[in-house]
Amino acid sequence: MQQAIFLDIALFFPGLLSGLIGLLVGGANIQLPGSLVQLSTDAIFFTLIAAIVYSSVSSLLGIEPNKIPLISKAVDDRMPSIDMFDITPEGRIIPRPRDEEKNEDDEKKND
C-alpha cells in the first residue's frame, strides 16, 4: 500500500512540473513543440502502466513486488520490522533507541 502512495507521489511531480513549464512558456508566448509535450506525457503514462503490470504479475505469482527502483527502497526504509523493537521481561514491546540516540546516551554517561 505504501508503494502505491509513494508511486502516486513520484508520478505527480512530473505532471506538476510539466504544467508549470507550460504556464511559464505560455506566458512568455513561446510555443513548445507538440511532440515534446506528447513525449513527456507518454513517458509518465508508460511508467505508470509498467509499474501496475509489474505489481500485478508479481502479486499473481505470489512474489512481493519490491523491485521498483527508488520507491521500494524508500518503503522498506519506513516499514517497521521486529529488529526495531525490544521485549521487556514483562512482555511489553518497546522501540529500540536509534543509533544516534545510543551515541548521545553513551556521551552523557561518559561525562
PDB file of N, CA and C in Angstrom:
ATOM      1  N   MET A   1       0.823  -1.184   0.000  1.00  0.00           N
ATOM      2  CA  MET A   1       0.000   0.000   0.000  1.00  0.00           C
ATOM      3  C   MET A   1       0.873   1.256   0.000  1.00  0.00           C
ATOM      4  N   GLN A   2       1.959   1.214   0.792  1.00  0.00           N
ATOM      5  CA  GLN A   2       2.836   2.379   0.826  1.00  0.00           C
ATOM      6  C   GLN A   2       3.531   2.593  -0.511  1.00  0.00           C
ATOM      7  N   GLN A   3       3.850   1.487  -1.218  1.00  0.00           N
ATOM      8  CA  GLN A   3       4.444   1.643  -2.540  1.00  0.00           C
ATOM      9  C   GLN A   3       3.496   2.381  -3.473  1.00  0.00           C
ATOM     10  N   ALA A   4       2.214   2.096  -3.377  1.00  0.00           N
ATOM     11  CA  ALA A   4       1.233   2.776  -4.222  1.00  0.00           C
ATOM     12  C   ALA A   4       1.193   4.262  -3.909  1.00  0.00           C
ATOM     13  N   ILE A   5       1.280   4.599  -2.641  1.00  0.00           N
ATOM     14  CA  ILE A   5       1.271   6.010  -2.250  1.00  0.00           C
ATOM     15  C   ILE A   5       2.531   6.706  -2.749  1.00  0.00           C
ATOM     16  N   PHE A   6       3.699   6.069  -2.541  1.00  0.00           N
ATOM     17  CA  PHE A   6       4.952   6.655  -2.993  1.00  0.00           C
ATOM     18  C   PHE A   6       4.981   6.782  -4.514  1.00  0.00           C
ATOM     19  N   LEU A   7       4.453   5.779  -5.218  1.00  0.00           N
ATOM     20  CA  LEU A   7       4.415   5.831  -6.677  1.00  0.00           C
ATOM     21  C   LEU A   7       3.495   6.943  -7.157  1.00  0.00           C
ATOM     22  N   ASP A   8       2.386   7.115  -6.487  1.00  0.00           N
ATOM     23  CA  ASP A   8       1.467   8.196  -6.840  1.00  0.00           C
ATOM     24  C   ASP A   8       2.144   9.556  -6.670  1.00  0.00           C
ATOM     25  N   ILE A   9       2.865   9.722  -5.592  1.00  0.00           N
ATOM     26  CA  ILE A   9       3.585  10.978  -5.356  1.00  0.00           C
ATOM     27  C   ILE A   9       4.674  11.172  -6.404  1.00  0.00           C
ATOM     28  N   ALA A  10       5.420  10.099  -6.700  1.00  0.00           N
ATOM     29  CA  ALA A  10       6.512  10.192  -7.670  1.00  0.00           C
ATOM     30  C   ALA A  10       6.003  10.524  -9.067  1.00  0.00           C
ATOM     31  N   LEU A  11       4.824  10.066  -9.419  1.00  0.00           N
ATOM     32  CA  LEU A  11       4.277  10.368 -10.738  1.00  0.00           C
ATOM     33  C   LEU A  11       3.514  11.685 -10.760  1.00  0.00           C
ATOM     34  N   PHE A  12       3.198  12.227  -9.608  1.00  0.00           N
ATOM     35  CA  PHE A  12       2.523  13.514  -9.534  1.00  0.00           C
ATOM     36  C   PHE A  12       3.478  14.658  -9.900  1.00  0.00           C
ATOM     37  N   PHE A  13       4.707  14.578  -9.428  1.00  0.00           N
ATOM     38  CA  PHE A  13       5.645  15.680  -9.628  1.00  0.00           C
ATOM     39  C   PHE A  13       6.017  15.935 -11.089  1.00  0.00           C
ATOM     40  N   PRO A  14       6.256  14.913 -11.929  1.00  0.00           N
ATOM     41  CA  PRO A  14       6.500  15.223 -13.343  1.00  0.00           C
ATOM     42  C   PRO A  14       5.305  15.913 -14.007  1.00  0.00           C
ATOM     43  N   GLY A  15       4.100  15.499 -13.658  1.00  0.00           N
ATOM     44  CA  GLY A  15       2.910  16.162 -14.203  1.00  0.00           C
ATOM     45  C   GLY A  15       2.809  17.602 -13.743  1.00  0.00           C
ATOM     46  N   LEU A  16       3.116  17.842 -12.474  1.00  0.00           N
ATOM     47  CA  LEU A  16       3.108  19.190 -11.942  1.00  0.00           C
ATOM     48  C   LEU A  16       4.171  20.049 -12.617  1.00  0.00           C
ATOM     49  N   LEU A  17       5.352  19.483 -12.784  1.00  0.00           N
ATOM     50  CA  LEU A  17       6.447  20.205 -13.428  1.00  0.00           C
ATOM     51  C   LEU A  17       6.104  20.568 -14.874  1.00  0.00           C
ATOM     52  N   SER A  18       5.507  19.629 -15.608  1.00  0.00           N
ATOM     53  CA  SER A  18       5.137  19.928 -16.996  1.00  0.00           C
ATOM     54  C   SER A  18       4.040  20.994 -17.057  1.00  0.00           C
ATOM     55  N   GLY A  19       3.126  20.976 -16.102  1.00  0.00           N
ATOM     56  CA  GLY A  19       2.097  22.022 -16.053  1.00  0.00           C
ATOM     57  C   GLY A  19       2.683  23.393 -15.777  1.00  0.00           C
ATOM     58  N   LEU A  20       3.638  23.463 -14.838  1.00  0.00           N
ATOM     59  CA  LEU A  20       4.293  24.741 -14.540  1.00  0.00           C
ATOM     60  C   LEU A  20       5.108  25.248 -15.720  1.00  0.00           C
ATOM     61  N   ILE A  21       5.818  24.341 -16.382  1.00  0.00           N
ATOM     62  CA  ILE A  21       6.587  24.747 -17.571  1.00  0.00           C
ATOM     63  C   ILE A  21       5.651  25.244 -18.660  1.00  0.00           C
ATOM     64  N   GLY A  22       4.525  24.564 -18.819  1.00  0.00           N
ATOM     65  CA  GLY A  22       3.536  25.010 -19.806  1.00  0.00           C
ATOM     66  C   GLY A  22       3.011  26.406 -19.506  1.00  0.00           C
ATOM     67  N   LEU A  23       2.771  26.697 -18.229  1.00  0.00           N
ATOM     68  CA  LEU A  23       2.311  28.036 -17.851  1.00  0.00           C
ATOM     69  C   LEU A  23       3.381  29.094 -18.108  1.00  0.00           C
ATOM     70  N   LEU A  24       4.601  28.774 -17.730  1.00  0.00           N
ATOM     71  CA  LEU A  24       5.686  29.731 -17.927  1.00  0.00           C
ATOM     72  C   LEU A  24       5.955  29.991 -19.402  1.00  0.00           C
ATOM     73  N   VAL A  25       5.980  28.929 -20.182  1.00  0.00           N
ATOM     74  CA  VAL A  25       6.235  29.075 -21.614  1.00  0.00           C
ATOM     75  C   VAL A  25       5.057  29.770 -22.294  1.00  0.00           C
ATOM     76  N   GLY A  26       3.856  29.444 -21.879  1.00  0.00           N
ATOM     77  CA  GLY A  26       2.670  30.098 -22.452  1.00  0.00           C
ATOM     78  C   GLY A  26       2.613  31.577 -22.121  1.00  0.00           C
ATOM     79  N   GLY A  27       3.048  31.934 -20.912  1.00  0.00           N
ATOM     80  CA  GLY A  27       3.082  33.341 -20.520  1.00  0.00           C
ATOM     81  C   GLY A  27       4.131  34.123 -21.270  1.00  0.00           C
ATOM     82  N   ALA A  28       5.168  33.456 -21.737  1.00  0.00           N
ATOM     83  CA  ALA A  28       6.236  34.113 -22.484  1.00  0.00           C
ATOM     84  C   ALA A  28       5.968  34.066 -23.985  1.00  0.00           C
ATOM     85  N   ASN A  29       4.786  33.611 -24.392  1.00  0.00           N
ATOM     86  CA  ASN A  29       4.399  33.497 -25.805  1.00  0.00           C
ATOM     87  C   ASN A  29       5.376  32.653 -26.621  1.00  0.00           C
ATOM     88  N   ILE A  30       5.835  31.552 -26.016  1.00  0.00           N
ATOM     89  CA  ILE A  30       6.703  30.614 -26.714  1.00  0.00           C
ATOM     90  C   ILE A  30       5.902  29.334 -26.915  1.00  0.00           C
ATOM     91  N   GLN A  31       5.957  28.790 -28.102  1.00  0.00           N
ATOM     92  CA  GLN A  31       5.241  27.557 -28.405  1.00  0.00           C
ATOM     93  C   GLN A  31       6.170  26.368 -28.236  1.00  0.00           C
ATOM     94  N   LEU A  32       5.776  25.427 -27.415  1.00  0.00           N
ATOM     95  CA  LEU A  32       6.517  24.173 -27.296  1.00  0.00           C
ATOM     96  C   LEU A  32       6.055  23.239 -28.401  1.00  0.00           C
ATOM     97  N   PRO A  33       6.976  22.481 -28.965  1.00  0.00           N
ATOM     98  CA  PRO A  33       6.554  21.515 -29.983  1.00  0.00           C
ATOM     99  C   PRO A  33       5.587  20.495 -29.386  1.00  0.00           C
ATOM    100  N   GLY A  34       4.556  20.174 -30.121  1.00  0.00           N
ATOM    101  CA  GLY A  34       3.562  19.216 -29.653  1.00  0.00           C
ATOM    102  C   GLY A  34       4.161  17.854 -29.368  1.00  0.00           C
ATOM    103  N   SER A  35       5.188  17.486 -30.140  1.00  0.00           N
ATOM    104  CA  SER A  35       5.812  16.179 -29.935  1.00  0.00           C
ATOM    105  C   SER A  35       6.535  16.114 -28.590  1.00  0.00           C
ATOM    106  N   LEU A  36       7.096  17.230 -28.116  1.00  0.00           N
ATOM    107  CA  LEU A  36       7.775  17.254 -26.821  1.00  0.00           C
ATOM    108  C   LEU A  36       6.769  17.074 -25.684  1.00  0.00           C
ATOM    109  N   VAL A  37       5.651  17.753 -25.780  1.00  0.00           N
ATOM    110  CA  VAL A  37       4.603  17.631 -24.761  1.00  0.00           C
ATOM    111  C   VAL A  37       4.047  16.213 -24.747  1.00  0.00           C
ATOM    112  N   GLN A  38       3.810  15.666 -25.934  1.00  0.00           N
ATOM    113  CA  GLN A  38       3.275  14.317 -26.029  1.00  0.00           C
ATOM    114  C   GLN A  38       4.280  13.289 -25.516  1.00  0.00           C
ATOM    115  N   LEU A  39       5.549  13.481 -25.803  1.00  0.00           N
ATOM    116  CA  LEU A  39       6.583  12.557 -25.343  1.00  0.00           C
ATOM    117  C   LEU A  39       6.667  12.529 -23.820  1.00  0.00           C
ATOM    118  N   SER A  40       6.610  13.695 -23.179  1.00  0.00           N
ATOM    119  CA  SER A  40       6.688  13.727 -21.718  1.00  0.00           C
ATOM    120  C   SER A  40       5.447  13.100 -21.076  1.00  0.00           C
ATOM    121  N   THR A  41       4.294  13.357 -21.643  1.00  0.00           N
ATOM    122  CA  THR A  41       3.057  12.772 -21.128  1.00  0.00           C
ATOM    123  C   THR A  41       3.055  11.257 -21.314  1.00  0.00           C
ATOM    124  N   ASP A  42       3.528  10.803 -22.471  1.00  0.00           N
ATOM    125  CA  ASP A  42       3.611   9.363 -22.726  1.00  0.00           C
ATOM    126  C   ASP A  42       4.588   8.675 -21.778  1.00  0.00           C
ATOM    127  N   ALA A  43       5.700   9.331 -21.465  1.00  0.00           N
ATOM    128  CA  ALA A  43       6.690   8.739 -20.547  1.00  0.00           C
ATOM    129  C   ALA A  43       6.079   8.513 -19.167  1.00  0.00           C
ATOM    130  N   ILE A  44       5.337   9.483 -18.681  1.00  0.00           N
ATOM    131  CA  ILE A  44       4.681   9.346 -17.382  1.00  0.00           C
ATOM    132  C   ILE A  44       3.638   8.221 -17.430  1.00  0.00           C
ATOM    133  N   PHE A  45       2.857   8.183 -18.487  1.00  0.00           N
ATOM    134  CA  PHE A  45       1.817   7.170 -18.632  1.00  0.00           C
ATOM    135  C   PHE A  45       2.408   5.770 -18.694  1.00  0.00           C
ATOM    136  N   PHE A  46       3.436   5.571 -19.528  1.00  0.00           N
ATOM    137  CA  PHE A  46       4.016   4.231 -19.672  1.00  0.00           C
ATOM    138  C   PHE A  46       4.766   3.792 -18.418  1.00  0.00           C
ATOM    139  N   THR A  47       5.323   4.739 -17.672  1.00  0.00           N
ATOM    140  CA  THR A  47       5.938   4.397 -16.390  1.00  0.00           C
ATOM    141  C   THR A  47       4.881   3.874 -15.425  1.00  0.00           C
ATOM    142  N   LEU A  48       3.745   4.520 -15.393  1.00  0.00           N
ATOM    143  CA  LEU A  48       2.643   4.076 -14.542  1.00  0.00           C
ATOM    144  C   LEU A  48       2.135   2.698 -14.960  1.00  0.00           C
ATOM    145  N   ILE A  49       1.947   2.491 -16.250  1.00  0.00           N
ATOM    146  CA  ILE A  49       1.462   1.192 -16.751  1.00  0.00           C
ATOM    147  C   ILE A  49       2.468   0.090 -16.425  1.00  0.00           C
ATOM    148  N   ALA A  50       3.770   0.368 -16.614  1.00  0.00           N
ATOM    149  CA  ALA A  50       4.797  -0.636 -16.319  1.00  0.00           C
ATOM    150  C   ALA A  50       4.786  -1.014 -14.836  1.00  0.00           C
ATOM    151  N   ALA A  51       4.638  -0.039 -13.957  1.00  0.00           N
ATOM    152  CA  ALA A  51       4.592  -0.310 -12.519  1.00  0.00           C
ATOM    153  C   ALA A  51       3.356  -1.122 -12.152  1.00  0.00           C
ATOM    154  N   ILE A  52       2.230  -0.808 -12.759  1.00  0.00           N
ATOM    155  CA  ILE A  52       0.992  -1.548 -12.478  1.00  0.00           C
ATOM    156  C   ILE A  52       1.101  -2.989 -12.966  1.00  0.00           C
ATOM    157  N   VAL A  53       1.614  -3.181 -14.186  1.00  0.00           N
ATOM    158  CA  VAL A  53       1.754  -4.533 -14.726  1.00  0.00           C
ATOM    159  C   VAL A  53       2.735  -5.337 -13.880  1.00  0.00           C
ATOM    160  N   TYR A  54       3.878  -4.736 -13.536  1.00  0.00           N
ATOM    161  CA  TYR A  54       4.871  -5.438 -12.709  1.00  0.00           C
ATOM    162  C   TYR A  54       4.269  -5.849 -11.364  1.00  0.00           C
ATOM    163  N   SER A  55       3.585  -4.919 -10.707  1.00  0.00           N
ATOM    164  CA  SER A  55       2.995  -5.221  -9.397  1.00  0.00           C
ATOM    165  C   SER A  55       1.908  -6.287  -9.498  1.00  0.00           C
ATOM    166  N   SER A  56       1.087  -6.219 -10.525  1.00  0.00           N
ATOM    167  CA  SER A  56       0.007  -7.198 -10.694  1.00  0.00           C
ATOM    168  C   SER A  56       0.555  -8.594 -10.967  1.00  0.00           C
ATOM    169  N   VAL A  57       1.513  -8.694 -11.881  1.00  0.00           N
ATOM    170  CA  VAL A  57       2.085 -10.003 -12.215  1.00  0.00           C
ATOM    171  C   VAL A  57       2.815 -10.583 -11.001  1.00  0.00           C
ATOM    172  N   SER A  58       3.580  -9.748 -10.294  1.00  0.00           N
ATOM    173  CA  SER A  58       4.282 -10.228  -9.104  1.00  0.00           C
ATOM    174  C   SER A  58       3.303 -10.741  -8.060  1.00  0.00           C
ATOM    175  N   SER A  59       2.226 -10.015  -7.854  1.00  0.00           N
ATOM    176  CA  SER A  59       1.227 -10.439  -6.868  1.00  0.00           C
ATOM    177  C   SER A  59       0.546 -11.740  -7.280  1.00  0.00           C
ATOM    178  N   LEU A  60       0.228 -11.872  -8.565  1.00  0.00           N
ATOM    179  CA  LEU A  60      -0.396 -13.102  -9.038  1.00  0.00           C
ATOM    180  C   LEU A  60       0.535 -14.303  -8.895  1.00  0.00           C
ATOM    181  N   LEU A  61       1.839 -14.078  -9.029  1.00  0.00           N
ATOM    182  CA  LEU A  61       2.809 -15.167  -8.882  1.00  0.00           C
ATOM    183  C   LEU A  61       3.197 -15.413  -7.435  1.00  0.00           C
ATOM    184  N   GLY A  62       2.682 -14.599  -6.531  1.00  0.00           N
ATOM    185  CA  GLY A  62       2.982 -14.773  -5.114  1.00  0.00           C
ATOM    186  C   GLY A  62       4.317 -14.190  -4.697  1.00  0.00           C
ATOM    187  N   ILE A  63       4.861 -13.298  -5.500  1.00  0.00           N
ATOM    188  CA  ILE A  63       6.143 -12.664  -5.205  1.00  0.00           C
ATOM    189  C   ILE A  63       5.869 -11.242  -4.722  1.00  0.00           C
ATOM    190  N   GLU A  64       6.597 -10.825  -3.693  1.00  0.00           N
ATOM    191  CA  GLU A  64       6.426  -9.457  -3.203  1.00  0.00           C
ATOM    192  C   GLU A  64       6.973  -8.474  -4.238  1.00  0.00           C
ATOM    193  N   PRO A  65       6.164  -7.528  -4.707  1.00  0.00           N
ATOM    194  CA  PRO A  65       6.623  -6.587  -5.741  1.00  0.00           C
ATOM    195  C   PRO A  65       7.454  -5.454  -5.139  1.00  0.00           C
ATOM    196  N   ASN A  66       8.698  -5.772  -4.802  1.00  0.00           N
ATOM    197  CA  ASN A  66       9.541  -4.767  -4.157  1.00  0.00           C
ATOM    198  C   ASN A  66      10.800  -4.468  -4.956  1.00  0.00           C
ATOM    199  N   LYS A  67      10.690  -4.457  -6.267  1.00  0.00           N
ATOM    200  CA  LYS A  67      11.847  -4.187  -7.118  1.00  0.00           C
ATOM    201  C   LYS A  67      11.689  -2.899  -7.933  1.00  0.00           C
ATOM    202  N   ILE A  68      10.784  -2.028  -7.554  1.00  0.00           N
ATOM    203  CA  ILE A  68      10.628  -0.752  -8.249  1.00  0.00           C
ATOM    204  C   ILE A  68      11.739   0.176  -7.761  1.00  0.00           C
ATOM    205  N   PRO A  69      12.591   0.639  -8.660  1.00  0.00           N
ATOM    206  CA  PRO A  69      13.729   1.467  -8.229  1.00  0.00           C
ATOM    207  C   PRO A  69      13.274   2.696  -7.436  1.00  0.00           C
ATOM    208  N   LEU A  70      14.019   3.041  -6.427  1.00  0.00           N
ATOM    209  CA  LEU A  70      13.801   4.181  -5.534  1.00  0.00           C
ATOM    210  C   LEU A  70      12.559   4.034  -4.656  1.00  0.00           C
ATOM    211  N   ILE A  71      11.450   3.639  -5.229  1.00  0.00           N
ATOM    212  CA  ILE A  71      10.192   3.556  -4.490  1.00  0.00           C
ATOM    213  C   ILE A  71      10.259   2.436  -3.452  1.00  0.00           C
ATOM    214  N   SER A  72      10.662   1.244  -3.876  1.00  0.00           N
ATOM    215  CA  SER A  72      10.702   0.099  -2.967  1.00  0.00           C
ATOM    216  C   SER A  72      11.700   0.316  -1.840  1.00  0.00           C
ATOM    217  N   LYS A  73      12.831   0.925  -2.136  1.00  0.00           N
ATOM    218  CA  LYS A  73      13.849   1.201  -1.120  1.00  0.00           C
ATOM    219  C   LYS A  73      13.300   2.173  -0.080  1.00  0.00           C
ATOM    220  N   ALA A  74      12.615   3.207  -0.535  1.00  0.00           N
ATOM    221  CA  ALA A  74      12.042   4.187   0.387  1.00  0.00           C
ATOM    222  C   ALA A  74      10.989   3.546   1.285  1.00  0.00           C
ATOM    223  N   VAL A  75      10.182   2.662   0.735  1.00  0.00           N
ATOM    224  CA  VAL A  75       9.152   1.986   1.526  1.00  0.00           C
ATOM    225  C   VAL A  75       9.798   1.040   2.538  1.00  0.00           C
ATOM    226  N   ASP A  76      10.811   0.277   2.107  1.00  0.00           N
ATOM    227  CA  ASP A  76      11.484  -0.647   3.019  1.00  0.00           C
ATOM    228  C   ASP A  76      12.130   0.088   4.186  1.00  0.00           C
ATOM    229  N   ASP A  77      12.658   1.278   3.928  1.00  0.00           N
ATOM    230  CA  ASP A  77      13.281   2.060   4.997  1.00  0.00           C
ATOM    231  C   ASP A  77      12.267   2.547   6.023  1.00  0.00           C
ATOM    232  N   ARG A  78      11.024   2.734   5.611  1.00  0.00           N
ATOM    233  CA  ARG A  78       9.990   3.260   6.508  1.00  0.00           C
ATOM    234  C   ARG A  78       9.184   2.187   7.225  1.00  0.00           C
ATOM    235  N   MET A  79       9.192   0.971   6.709  1.00  0.00           N
ATOM    236  CA  MET A  79       8.384  -0.101   7.297  1.00  0.00           C
ATOM    237  C   MET A  79       9.016  -0.605   8.596  1.00  0.00           C
ATOM    238  N   PRO A  80       8.228  -0.739   9.649  1.00  0.00           N
ATOM    239  CA  PRO A  80       8.784  -1.273  10.896  1.00  0.00           C
ATOM    240  C   PRO A  80       9.066  -2.768  10.766  1.00  0.00           C
ATOM    241  N   SER A  81      10.125  -3.206  11.424  1.00  0.00           N
ATOM    242  CA  SER A  81      10.460  -4.631  11.456  1.00  0.00           C
ATOM    243  C   SER A  81      10.672  -5.048  12.909  1.00  0.00           C
ATOM    244  N   ILE A  82      10.736  -6.337  13.147  1.00  0.00           N
ATOM    245  CA  ILE A  82      10.884  -6.850  14.506  1.00  0.00           C
ATOM    246  C   ILE A  82      12.219  -6.425  15.114  1.00  0.00           C
ATOM    247  N   ASP A  83      13.210  -6.163  14.267  1.00  0.00           N
ATOM    248  CA  ASP A  83      14.522  -5.740  14.762  1.00  0.00           C
ATOM    249  C   ASP A  83      14.492  -4.357  15.404  1.00  0.00           C
ATOM    250  N   MET A  84      13.445  -3.607  15.179  1.00  0.00           N
ATOM    251  CA  MET A  84      13.344  -2.247  15.707  1.00  0.00           C
ATOM    252  C   MET A  84      12.798  -2.206  17.134  1.00  0.00           C
ATOM    253  N   PHE A  85      12.424  -3.359  17.698  1.00  0.00           N
ATOM    254  CA  PHE A  85      11.768  -3.382  18.997  1.00  0.00           C
ATOM    255  C   PHE A  85      12.484  -4.322  19.964  1.00  0.00           C
ATOM    256  N   ASP A  86      12.370  -4.014  21.242  1.00  0.00           N
ATOM    257  CA  ASP A  86      12.836  -4.882  22.322  1.00  0.00           C
ATOM    258  C   ASP A  86      11.613  -5.360  23.106  1.00  0.00           C
ATOM    259  N   ILE A  87      11.749  -6.539  23.700  1.00  0.00           N
ATOM    260  CA  ILE A  87      10.674  -7.066  24.546  1.00  0.00           C
ATOM    261  C   ILE A  87      11.179  -7.064  25.977  1.00  0.00           C
ATOM    262  N   THR A  88      10.437  -6.410  26.846  1.00  0.00           N
ATOM    263  CA  THR A  88      10.825  -6.333  28.255  1.00  0.00           C
ATOM    264  C   THR A  88      10.496  -7.652  28.944  1.00  0.00           C
ATOM    265  N   PRO A  89      11.060  -7.878  30.132  1.00  0.00           N
ATOM    266  CA  PRO A  89      10.730  -9.113  30.878  1.00  0.00           C
ATOM    267  C   PRO A  89       9.234  -9.253  31.176  1.00  0.00           C
ATOM    268  N   GLU A  90       8.532  -8.117  31.239  1.00  0.00           N
ATOM    269  CA  GLU A  90       7.083  -8.173  31.489  1.00  0.00           C
ATOM    270  C   GLU A  90       6.302  -8.505  30.223  1.00  0.00           C
ATOM    271  N   GLY A  91       6.985  -8.581  29.072  1.00  0.00           N
ATOM    272  CA  GLY A  91       6.309  -8.898  27.819  1.00  0.00           C
ATOM    273  C   GLY A  91       5.883  -7.688  27.023  1.00  0.00           C
ATOM    274  N   ARG A  92       6.257  -6.500  27.467  1.00  0.00           N
ATOM    275  CA  ARG A  92       5.908  -5.281  26.720  1.00  0.00           C
ATOM    276  C   ARG A  92       6.863  -5.116  25.550  1.00  0.00           C
ATOM    277  N   ILE A  93       6.363  -4.608  24.466  1.00  0.00           N
ATOM    278  CA  ILE A  93       7.185  -4.333  23.287  1.00  0.00           C
ATOM    279  C   ILE A  93       7.478  -2.840  23.271  1.00  0.00           C
ATOM    280  N   ILE A  94       8.761  -2.496  23.277  1.00  0.00           N
ATOM    281  CA  ILE A  94       9.158  -1.088  23.258  1.00  0.00           C
ATOM    282  C   ILE A  94      10.133  -0.863  22.105  1.00  0.00           C
ATOM    283  N   PRO A  95      10.108   0.343  21.526  1.00  0.00           N
ATOM    284  CA  PRO A  95      11.031   0.617  20.420  1.00  0.00           C
ATOM    285  C   PRO A  95      12.471   0.708  20.923  1.00  0.00           C
ATOM    286  N   ARG A  96      13.393   0.185  20.113  1.00  0.00           N
ATOM    287  CA  ARG A  96      14.811   0.297  20.428  1.00  0.00           C
ATOM    288  C   ARG A  96      15.277   1.713  20.134  1.00  0.00           C
ATOM    289  N   PRO A  97      16.234   2.197  20.922  1.00  0.00           N
ATOM    290  CA  PRO A  97      16.779   3.513  20.578  1.00  0.00           C
ATOM    291  C   PRO A  97      17.557   3.428  19.271  1.00  0.00           C
ATOM    292  N   ARG A  98      17.435   4.492  18.484  1.00  0.00           N
ATOM    293  CA  ARG A  98      18.178   4.536  17.226  1.00  0.00           C
ATOM    294  C   ARG A  98      19.652   4.729  17.521  1.00  0.00           C
ATOM    295  N   ASP A  99      20.487   4.532  16.526  1.00  0.00           N
ATOM    296  CA  ASP A  99      21.936   4.638  16.694  1.00  0.00           C
ATOM    297  C   ASP A  99      22.342   6.020  17.196  1.00  0.00           C
ATOM    298  N   GLU A 100      21.677   7.080  16.692  1.00  0.00           N
ATOM    299  CA  GLU A 100      22.018   8.434  17.129  1.00  0.00           C
ATOM    300  C   GLU A 100      21.721   8.609  18.615  1.00  0.00           C
ATOM    301  N   GLU A 101      20.582   8.034  19.061  1.00  0.00           N
ATOM    302  CA  GLU A 101      20.209   8.151  20.463  1.00  0.00           C
ATOM    303  C   GLU A 101      21.173   7.369  21.350  1.00  0.00           C
ATOM    304  N   LYS A 102      21.649   6.216  20.870  1.00  0.00           N
ATOM    305  CA  LYS A 102      22.612   5.430  21.630  1.00  0.00           C
ATOM    306  C   LYS A 102      23.904   6.201  21.824  1.00  0.00           C
ATOM    307  N   ASN A 103      24.369   6.852  20.750  1.00  0.00           N
ATOM    308  CA  ASN A 103      25.608   7.631  20.835  1.00  0.00           C
ATOM    309  C   ASN A 103      25.476   8.782  21.817  1.00  0.00           C
ATOM    310  N   GLU A 104      24.318   9.464  21.809  1.00  0.00           N
ATOM    311  CA  GLU A 104      24.091  10.573  22.740  1.00  0.00           C
ATOM    312  C   GLU A 104      24.048  10.067  24.176  1.00  0.00           C
ATOM    313  N   ASP A 105      23.386   8.913  24.401  1.00  0.00           N
ATOM    314  CA  ASP A 105      23.320   8.338  25.749  1.00  0.00           C
ATOM    315  C   ASP A 105      24.709   7.940  26.235  1.00  0.00           C
ATOM    316  N   ASP A 106      25.525   7.358  25.358  1.00  0.00           N
ATOM    317  CA  ASP A 106      26.883   6.972  25.727  1.00  0.00           C
ATOM    318  C   ASP A 106      27.730   8.189  26.092  1.00  0.00           C
ATOM    319  N   GLU A 107      27.556   9.282  25.344  1.00  0.00           N
ATOM    320  CA  GLU A 107      28.309  10.514  25.636  1.00  0.00           C
ATOM    321  C   GLU A 107      27.901  11.090  26.977  1.00  0.00           C
ATOM    322  N   LYS A 108      26.593  11.020  27.297  1.00  0.00           N
ATOM    323  CA  LYS A 108      26.118  11.541  28.590  1.00  0.00           C
ATOM    324  C   LYS A 108      26.665  10.707  29.744  1.00  0.00           C
ATOM    325  N   LYS A 109      26.760   9.387  29.554  1.00  0.00           N
ATOM    326  CA  LYS A 109      27.283   8.516  30.599  1.00  0.00           C
ATOM    327  C   LYS A 109      28.768   8.761  30.826  1.00  0.00           C
ATOM    328  N   ASN A 110      29.504   9.092  29.744  1.00  0.00           N
ATOM    329  CA  ASN A 110      30.938   9.323  29.874  1.00  0.00           C
ATOM    330  C   ASN A 110      31.248  10.653  30.522  1.00  0.00           C
ATOM    331  N   ASP A 111      30.300  11.594  30.514  1.00  0.00           N
ATOM    332  CA  ASP A 111      30.541  12.926  31.123  1.00  0.00           C
ATOM    333  C   ASP A 111      30.404  12.862  32.584  1.00  0.00           C
TER     334      ASP A 111
END
